[in-house]
Protein backbone atom coordinates (compact mmCIF):
# COMPACT_ATOMS: atom_id res chain seq x y z
CA UNK A 1 88.02 -193.53 -68.17
CA UNK A 2 91.64 -192.87 -69.09
CA UNK A 3 92.94 -194.56 -65.95
CA UNK A 4 90.79 -197.62 -66.65
CA UNK A 5 92.16 -197.69 -70.20
CA UNK A 6 95.73 -197.47 -68.88
CA UNK A 7 95.20 -200.41 -66.53
CA UNK A 8 93.63 -202.46 -69.32
CA UNK A 9 96.51 -201.62 -71.65
CA UNK A 10 99.15 -202.62 -69.11
CA UNK A 11 97.35 -205.88 -68.35
CA UNK A 12 97.14 -206.64 -72.07
CA UNK A 13 100.82 -205.85 -72.59
CA UNK A 14 101.86 -208.19 -69.78
CA UNK A 15 99.36 -210.90 -70.70
CA UNK A 16 100.55 -211.09 -74.31
CA UNK A 17 104.24 -211.26 -73.40
CA UNK A 18 105.65 -214.63 -74.50
CA UNK A 19 108.38 -214.76 -71.87
CA UNK A 20 107.84 -211.99 -69.31
CA UNK A 21 110.67 -210.03 -70.87
CA UNK A 22 109.39 -208.99 -74.30
CA UNK A 23 106.06 -207.94 -75.74
CA UNK A 24 104.28 -209.74 -78.58
CA UNK A 25 106.42 -207.82 -81.12
CA UNK A 26 109.66 -209.00 -79.55
CA UNK A 27 110.49 -205.56 -78.10
CA UNK A 28 111.48 -205.49 -74.40
CA UNK A 29 108.68 -204.60 -72.01
CA UNK A 30 109.25 -201.03 -70.95
CA UNK A 31 111.30 -200.62 -74.17
CA UNK A 32 113.55 -197.65 -73.30
CA UNK A 33 113.98 -198.89 -69.74
CA UNK A 34 115.77 -201.89 -71.19
CA UNK A 35 118.49 -199.48 -72.35
CA UNK A 36 118.97 -198.32 -68.74
CA UNK A 37 118.87 -201.83 -67.28
CA UNK A 38 121.21 -203.38 -69.84
CA UNK A 39 123.57 -200.39 -69.57
CA UNK A 40 123.65 -200.89 -65.81
CA UNK A 41 124.41 -204.58 -66.31
CA UNK A 42 127.37 -203.68 -68.50
CA UNK A 43 128.67 -201.12 -66.03
CA UNK A 44 128.56 -203.76 -63.29
CA UNK A 45 130.32 -206.46 -65.29
CA UNK A 46 132.51 -204.71 -67.87
CA UNK A 47 132.98 -201.16 -66.58
CA UNK A 48 131.05 -197.97 -67.22
CA UNK A 49 132.67 -197.10 -70.56
CA UNK A 50 131.38 -200.35 -72.08
CA UNK A 51 127.80 -199.07 -71.85
CA UNK A 52 128.70 -196.35 -74.37
CA UNK A 53 130.25 -198.73 -76.91
CA UNK A 54 127.50 -199.49 -79.47
CA UNK A 55 128.91 -202.90 -80.44
CA UNK A 56 129.40 -204.10 -76.87
CA UNK A 57 126.04 -202.63 -75.90
CA UNK A 58 124.27 -204.49 -78.71
CA UNK A 59 125.99 -207.79 -77.94
CA UNK A 60 124.88 -207.51 -74.32
CA UNK A 61 121.30 -206.89 -75.42
CA UNK A 62 121.45 -209.89 -77.75
CA UNK A 63 122.62 -212.02 -74.83
CA UNK A 64 120.05 -210.71 -72.34
CA UNK A 65 117.13 -211.16 -74.75
CA UNK A 66 118.35 -214.38 -76.36
CA UNK A 67 117.84 -212.84 -79.80
CA UNK A 68 120.23 -212.55 -82.72
CA UNK A 69 118.69 -209.34 -84.08
CA UNK A 70 116.86 -207.43 -81.33
CA UNK A 71 115.84 -203.79 -81.67
CA UNK A 72 118.88 -201.82 -80.51
CA UNK A 73 118.05 -199.56 -77.56
CA UNK A 74 121.22 -197.54 -76.87
CA UNK A 75 122.24 -196.13 -73.51
CA UNK A 76 122.57 -192.37 -74.09
CA UNK A 77 122.42 -190.72 -70.67
CA UNK A 78 125.40 -188.98 -68.97
CA UNK A 79 127.66 -191.03 -66.69
CA UNK A 80 125.99 -189.98 -63.43
CA UNK A 81 122.82 -191.75 -64.58
CA UNK A 82 124.84 -194.97 -64.84
CA UNK A 83 125.05 -194.95 -61.04
CA UNK A 84 121.26 -195.28 -60.87
CA UNK A 85 121.25 -197.74 -63.78
CA UNK A 86 123.62 -200.05 -61.89
CA UNK A 87 121.30 -200.07 -58.88
CA UNK A 88 118.35 -200.88 -61.17
CA UNK A 89 120.33 -203.64 -62.89
CA UNK A 90 120.80 -205.42 -59.56
CA UNK A 91 117.09 -206.36 -59.66
CA UNK A 92 115.34 -208.78 -62.04
CA UNK A 93 114.10 -206.97 -65.13
CA UNK A 94 110.34 -206.83 -64.50
CA UNK A 95 110.82 -205.97 -60.82
CA UNK A 96 113.32 -203.25 -61.75
CA UNK A 97 110.95 -201.73 -64.34
CA UNK A 98 108.10 -201.80 -61.82
CA UNK A 99 110.19 -200.19 -59.05
CA UNK A 100 111.52 -197.50 -61.37
CA UNK A 101 108.09 -196.62 -62.77
CA UNK A 102 106.25 -196.75 -59.44
CA UNK A 103 108.82 -194.71 -57.52
CA UNK A 104 109.06 -192.17 -60.35
CA UNK A 105 105.28 -191.83 -60.49
CA UNK A 106 105.13 -191.35 -56.71
CA UNK A 107 107.77 -188.59 -56.83
CA UNK A 108 106.00 -186.92 -59.74
CA UNK A 109 102.63 -187.05 -57.97
CA UNK A 110 104.03 -185.73 -54.67
CA UNK A 111 105.92 -182.90 -56.38
CA UNK A 112 102.88 -181.79 -58.40
CA UNK A 113 100.58 -181.95 -55.37
CA UNK A 114 103.03 -179.76 -53.45
CA UNK A 115 102.46 -177.05 -56.06
CA UNK A 116 98.68 -177.06 -55.60
CA UNK A 117 96.58 -175.66 -52.76
CA UNK A 118 93.15 -176.07 -51.26
CA UNK A 119 91.69 -173.59 -53.72
CA UNK A 120 91.75 -176.27 -56.41
CA UNK A 121 89.50 -179.28 -56.01
CA UNK A 122 91.76 -182.00 -54.63
CA UNK A 123 90.19 -184.92 -56.44
CA UNK A 124 90.16 -183.19 -59.81
CA UNK A 125 93.77 -182.09 -59.40
CA UNK A 126 94.89 -185.60 -58.44
CA UNK A 127 93.07 -187.15 -61.39
CA UNK A 128 94.55 -184.61 -63.79
CA UNK A 129 98.04 -185.45 -62.51
CA UNK A 130 97.84 -189.24 -62.72
CA UNK A 131 95.52 -189.55 -65.74
CA UNK A 132 97.75 -187.47 -68.00
CA UNK A 133 98.35 -189.46 -71.20
CA UNK A 134 102.07 -188.80 -70.77
CA UNK A 135 101.92 -190.91 -67.58
CA UNK A 136 101.02 -194.08 -69.51
CA UNK A 137 103.63 -193.32 -72.16
CA UNK A 138 106.35 -192.93 -69.52
CA UNK A 139 105.36 -196.21 -67.85
CA UNK A 140 105.17 -198.23 -71.06
CA UNK A 141 108.48 -196.80 -72.29
CA UNK A 142 110.08 -196.97 -68.83
CA UNK A 143 111.24 -193.41 -69.37
CA UNK A 144 112.66 -190.75 -67.03
CA UNK A 145 109.91 -188.14 -67.50
CA UNK A 146 108.57 -188.61 -63.97
CA UNK A 147 111.97 -187.71 -62.50
CA UNK A 148 112.44 -184.69 -64.76
CA UNK A 149 108.96 -183.32 -63.99
CA UNK A 150 109.43 -183.93 -60.25
CA UNK A 151 112.82 -182.16 -60.23
CA UNK A 152 111.44 -179.18 -62.14
CA UNK A 153 108.49 -178.96 -59.76
CA UNK A 154 110.70 -179.33 -56.69
CA UNK A 155 113.08 -176.64 -57.91
CA UNK A 156 110.34 -174.16 -58.74
CA UNK A 157 108.29 -174.63 -55.58
CA UNK A 158 111.39 -174.07 -53.44
CA UNK A 159 112.92 -171.24 -55.44
CA UNK A 160 111.92 -168.43 -53.07
CA UNK A 161 111.97 -170.08 -49.63
CA UNK A 162 114.75 -172.66 -50.09
CA UNK A 163 117.06 -171.39 -52.88
CA UNK A 164 119.84 -173.88 -52.11
CA UNK A 165 117.45 -176.84 -52.28
CA UNK A 166 116.01 -175.45 -55.52
CA UNK A 167 119.52 -175.28 -56.93
CA UNK A 168 120.19 -178.90 -55.96
CA UNK A 169 117.05 -179.98 -57.83
CA UNK A 170 118.09 -177.95 -60.87
CA UNK A 171 121.56 -179.51 -60.70
CA UNK A 172 120.13 -183.03 -60.63
CA UNK A 173 118.43 -182.26 -63.94
CA UNK A 174 121.88 -182.49 -65.55
CA UNK A 175 121.16 -186.12 -66.42
CA UNK A 176 118.88 -184.61 -69.11
CA UNK A 177 121.09 -181.69 -70.15
CA UNK A 178 119.02 -180.76 -73.22
CA UNK A 179 116.29 -179.41 -70.92
CA UNK A 180 118.54 -177.12 -68.91
CA UNK A 181 119.78 -174.75 -71.61
CA UNK A 182 118.11 -171.62 -70.23
CA UNK A 183 117.98 -172.43 -66.52
CA UNK A 184 121.28 -170.57 -65.78
CA UNK A 185 120.18 -167.60 -67.89
CA UNK A 186 116.82 -167.23 -66.17
CA UNK A 187 118.36 -167.54 -62.72
CA UNK A 188 121.11 -165.04 -63.55
CA UNK A 189 118.63 -162.50 -64.94
CA UNK A 190 116.65 -162.78 -61.70
CA UNK A 191 119.78 -162.53 -59.53
CA UNK A 192 119.27 -166.00 -58.03
CA UNK A 193 122.98 -166.44 -57.31
CA UNK A 194 122.59 -168.82 -54.36
CA UNK A 195 120.48 -171.12 -56.50
CA UNK A 196 123.05 -170.96 -59.30
CA UNK A 197 125.86 -171.79 -56.86
CA UNK A 198 123.93 -174.72 -55.45
CA UNK A 199 123.09 -176.06 -58.93
CA UNK A 200 126.71 -175.72 -60.02
CA UNK A 201 127.95 -177.56 -56.95
CA UNK A 202 125.39 -180.33 -57.49
CA UNK A 203 126.50 -180.85 -61.09
CA UNK A 204 130.15 -180.86 -60.03
CA UNK A 205 129.48 -183.44 -57.32
CA UNK A 206 127.70 -185.70 -59.82
CA UNK A 207 130.59 -185.42 -62.27
CA UNK A 208 133.09 -186.13 -59.51
CA UNK A 209 131.15 -189.19 -58.30
CA UNK A 210 130.93 -190.60 -61.83
CA UNK A 211 134.65 -189.99 -62.40
CA UNK A 212 135.53 -191.60 -59.09
CA UNK A 213 133.47 -194.71 -59.81
CA UNK A 214 134.17 -195.16 -63.53
CA UNK A 215 137.43 -193.29 -64.12
CA UNK A 216 138.15 -190.26 -66.28
CA UNK A 217 137.78 -192.34 -69.46
CA UNK A 218 134.03 -192.42 -68.97
CA UNK A 219 133.66 -188.89 -70.35
CA UNK A 220 135.28 -189.42 -73.79
CA UNK A 221 133.19 -192.58 -74.11
CA UNK A 222 130.02 -190.64 -73.30
CA UNK A 223 130.88 -187.85 -75.77
CA UNK A 224 131.47 -190.40 -78.52
CA UNK A 225 128.07 -191.96 -77.84
CA UNK A 226 126.49 -188.49 -77.80
CA UNK A 227 127.84 -187.95 -81.33
CA UNK A 228 126.28 -191.27 -82.36
CA UNK A 229 122.97 -190.17 -80.84
CA UNK A 230 123.07 -186.85 -82.68
CA UNK A 231 123.60 -188.44 -86.08
CA UNK A 232 121.76 -191.77 -85.90
CA UNK A 233 118.93 -190.96 -83.51
CA UNK A 234 118.23 -187.29 -84.24
CA UNK A 235 119.49 -186.25 -87.66
CA UNK A 236 118.79 -189.52 -89.50
CA UNK A 237 115.40 -190.02 -87.84
CA UNK A 238 116.19 -193.01 -85.66
CA UNK A 239 113.53 -191.58 -83.37
CA UNK A 240 110.51 -191.20 -85.64
CA UNK A 241 109.85 -187.60 -86.65
CA UNK A 242 106.20 -187.79 -85.65
CA UNK A 243 107.11 -188.65 -82.05
CA UNK A 244 109.56 -185.73 -81.74
CA UNK A 245 107.64 -182.57 -80.80
CA UNK A 246 110.22 -179.99 -81.86
CA UNK A 247 110.69 -177.49 -84.67
CA UNK A 248 113.69 -179.46 -85.99
CA UNK A 249 111.61 -182.63 -86.29
CA UNK A 250 108.67 -180.73 -87.79
CA UNK A 251 110.85 -179.47 -90.66
CA UNK A 252 112.80 -182.63 -91.54
CA UNK A 253 109.84 -184.65 -92.96
CA UNK A 254 109.02 -181.66 -95.19
CA UNK A 255 112.32 -182.09 -96.99
CA UNK A 256 114.25 -179.43 -95.10
CA UNK A 257 117.93 -180.33 -94.85
CA UNK A 258 119.76 -180.95 -91.60
CA UNK A 259 121.67 -177.65 -91.67
CA UNK A 260 118.58 -175.59 -92.48
CA UNK A 261 116.56 -177.35 -89.78
CA UNK A 262 119.32 -176.65 -87.25
CA UNK A 263 119.37 -173.01 -88.36
CA UNK A 264 115.62 -172.71 -87.82
CA UNK A 265 115.95 -174.37 -84.41
CA UNK A 266 118.79 -171.98 -83.52
CA UNK A 267 116.67 -168.99 -84.52
CA UNK A 268 113.88 -170.27 -82.29
CA UNK A 269 116.35 -170.69 -79.42
CA UNK A 270 117.42 -167.06 -79.78
CA UNK A 271 113.81 -165.89 -79.75
CA UNK A 272 113.01 -168.02 -76.71
CA UNK A 273 116.12 -166.76 -74.93
CA UNK A 274 115.27 -163.13 -75.57
CA UNK A 275 111.66 -163.60 -74.47
CA UNK A 276 112.75 -165.42 -71.30
CA UNK A 277 115.09 -162.57 -70.39
CA UNK A 278 112.19 -160.14 -70.80
CA UNK A 279 109.82 -162.40 -68.84
CA UNK A 280 112.21 -163.02 -65.93
CA UNK A 281 113.14 -159.32 -65.71
CA UNK A 282 109.50 -158.27 -65.66
CA UNK A 283 107.30 -157.79 -62.61
CA UNK A 284 105.15 -160.78 -63.60
CA UNK A 285 103.96 -163.36 -61.11
CA UNK A 286 106.88 -165.69 -60.31
CA UNK A 287 104.64 -168.65 -61.12
CA UNK A 288 104.22 -167.31 -64.65
CA UNK A 289 107.98 -166.94 -65.03
CA UNK A 290 108.51 -170.49 -63.77
CA UNK A 291 105.91 -171.87 -66.17
CA UNK A 292 107.64 -170.07 -69.03
CA UNK A 293 110.98 -171.63 -68.11
CA UNK A 294 109.49 -175.14 -68.12
CA UNK A 295 107.76 -174.73 -71.49
CA UNK A 296 110.89 -173.13 -72.96
CA UNK A 297 112.85 -176.25 -71.97
CA UNK A 298 110.87 -178.29 -74.50
CA UNK A 299 110.92 -175.65 -77.22
CA UNK A 300 114.68 -175.05 -77.22
CA UNK A 301 115.90 -178.62 -77.70
CA UNK A 302 115.74 -180.32 -81.12
CA UNK A 303 114.99 -183.61 -79.37
CA UNK A 304 111.85 -183.84 -77.21
CA UNK A 305 109.93 -187.08 -77.63
CA UNK A 306 106.23 -187.33 -76.82
CA UNK A 307 106.86 -188.87 -73.40
CA UNK A 308 108.78 -185.68 -72.52
CA UNK A 309 105.52 -183.69 -72.54
CA UNK A 310 105.04 -184.81 -68.94
CA UNK A 311 107.63 -182.13 -68.12
CA UNK A 312 104.89 -179.59 -68.86
CA UNK A 313 102.84 -180.78 -65.88
CA UNK A 314 104.42 -178.27 -63.43
CA UNK A 315 103.81 -175.46 -65.92
CA UNK A 316 100.16 -176.42 -66.39
CA UNK A 317 99.72 -176.62 -62.61
CA UNK A 318 101.18 -173.14 -62.10
CA UNK A 319 99.12 -171.65 -64.92
CA UNK A 320 95.97 -173.33 -63.57
CA UNK A 321 96.63 -171.77 -60.16
CA UNK A 322 97.01 -168.32 -61.71
CA UNK A 323 93.87 -168.78 -63.80
CA UNK A 324 91.92 -170.00 -60.77
CA UNK A 325 92.87 -166.86 -58.84
CA UNK A 326 92.66 -164.19 -61.54
CA UNK A 327 90.53 -165.73 -64.27
CA UNK A 328 91.56 -167.44 -67.48
CA UNK A 329 92.39 -165.46 -70.60
CA UNK A 330 90.99 -166.44 -74.02
CA UNK A 331 92.20 -169.80 -75.36
CA UNK A 332 94.24 -170.68 -72.26
CA UNK A 333 92.07 -173.59 -71.15
CA UNK A 334 91.95 -174.95 -74.70
CA UNK A 335 95.74 -174.78 -75.03
CA UNK A 336 96.23 -176.50 -71.67
CA UNK A 337 93.92 -179.34 -72.65
CA UNK A 338 95.60 -179.78 -76.04
CA UNK A 339 99.11 -179.95 -74.62
CA UNK A 340 97.97 -182.24 -71.77
CA UNK A 341 96.34 -184.62 -74.24
CA UNK A 342 99.00 -184.31 -76.96
CA UNK A 343 100.37 -187.88 -76.60
CA UNK A 344 96.88 -189.19 -77.47
CA UNK A 345 96.68 -187.52 -80.88
CA UNK A 346 99.66 -185.38 -81.89
CA UNK A 347 101.90 -188.23 -83.05
CA UNK A 348 99.16 -189.68 -85.25
CA UNK A 349 98.32 -186.25 -86.70
CA UNK A 350 101.97 -185.60 -87.55
CA UNK A 351 102.42 -189.05 -89.10
CA UNK A 352 99.32 -188.76 -91.31
CA UNK A 353 99.39 -185.08 -92.25
CA UNK A 354 102.91 -183.77 -91.42
CA UNK A 355 101.22 -181.14 -89.24
CA UNK A 356 103.39 -180.91 -86.07
CA UNK A 357 100.47 -180.81 -83.65
CA UNK A 358 102.62 -181.52 -80.59
CA UNK A 359 105.10 -178.74 -81.29
CA UNK A 360 102.30 -176.31 -82.13
CA UNK A 361 100.46 -177.08 -78.88
CA UNK A 362 103.61 -176.46 -76.82
CA UNK A 363 104.38 -173.26 -78.72
CA UNK A 364 100.81 -172.06 -78.18
CA UNK A 365 101.13 -172.44 -74.42
CA UNK A 366 104.37 -170.46 -74.44
CA UNK A 367 102.77 -167.72 -76.56
CA UNK A 368 99.87 -167.49 -74.09
CA UNK A 369 102.33 -167.17 -71.18
CA UNK A 370 104.00 -164.23 -72.92
CA UNK A 371 100.61 -162.71 -73.76
CA UNK A 372 99.54 -162.87 -70.11
CA UNK A 373 102.82 -161.30 -68.99
CA UNK A 374 102.50 -158.55 -71.61
CA UNK A 375 98.92 -157.81 -70.55
CA UNK A 376 99.98 -157.58 -66.91
CA UNK A 377 102.86 -155.26 -67.80
CA UNK A 378 100.56 -153.05 -69.83
CA UNK A 379 97.98 -152.77 -67.06
CA UNK A 380 100.73 -151.90 -64.56
CA UNK A 381 102.31 -149.20 -66.73
CA UNK A 382 101.97 -145.54 -65.60
CA UNK A 383 100.11 -144.67 -68.82
CA UNK A 384 97.43 -147.25 -68.04
CA UNK A 385 96.74 -146.00 -64.50
CA UNK A 386 94.84 -142.78 -65.41
CA UNK A 387 92.64 -144.75 -67.80
CA UNK A 388 91.97 -147.32 -65.09
CA UNK A 389 91.04 -144.60 -62.59
CA UNK A 390 88.67 -142.95 -65.10
CA UNK A 391 87.06 -146.31 -65.86
CA UNK A 392 86.59 -147.01 -62.15
CA UNK A 393 84.86 -143.63 -61.68
CA UNK A 394 82.23 -144.34 -64.34
CA UNK A 395 78.79 -145.36 -62.99
């Protein structure tokens, strides 16, 4: 039913476009993808640094759309992403959007399927992967969530057997640096030094490639645009609070000031960091640790829009595998369903009631991960073993 609704929605969006470039509201089809495509156009014609100049960026978008006052969709990604944006900009807009979305969806699907096994019903697993509400949101926004989820999944599934490949996948996530805050910490706690070395080398190679293509001046230009993004997009609510599933965004509509909201977010980051250290040092199932790292990626950043919830797909897959093998604990299935379906309802709930349903759903999943790890640690403790043996001896 959801897939049928997605197809109908996409057909309606395309059918009501007046010019094959914009929707009926005048916003570019694929909205955020237009920022990538127009940024790539600028890098091809005027140099990479021009994509980070708000005035030049806006003038280019006015020209491409033939509008005097279009909605400004800024290019905010690090310079290495400009290399991909230039390749995308070499195609006509609709074809480029279609190629980007279809290839991203294919990578996401393949990466998630690689995490599953025959113990889970194949058809149900496939439907759960492609019918996720976050899939439609990423397609209609032309966003990068498919790539981020695929890279997380690829890194985690290869962590034990192919640590260097896992590190390369982690390193490629640097184009979304806000989601990688605790990746080095978790890997260091677990002694995954080869993976850390590979990730570091991958990031360095990306930076070197971007510098070689665009020149060293690309980095000051990017940092200046990052400051613009922090103030205009995040702090001033350029991205609507209801669509941002973070603690920072949950507090701002309640009248909490910027500094206080940052302080609360920082306190949460410290708590998440401490809990991740405990989780990754514990004897818990590696899949549980990996799921915790993915969910923590969304909780630690002050900027995680509803399309970013697709990043949770690898975590849900890993937790579903554990539950399938050992049984589900109370409320786990409910939490998984809520966070999977969050893009369908959480934004509307937050807009109407100021209740941050998206953030709460993500936080609930993380709490359940820690609860499962704590229960496993308790059952494995020496004090619990005599009780377990006495219980087993009872008729």
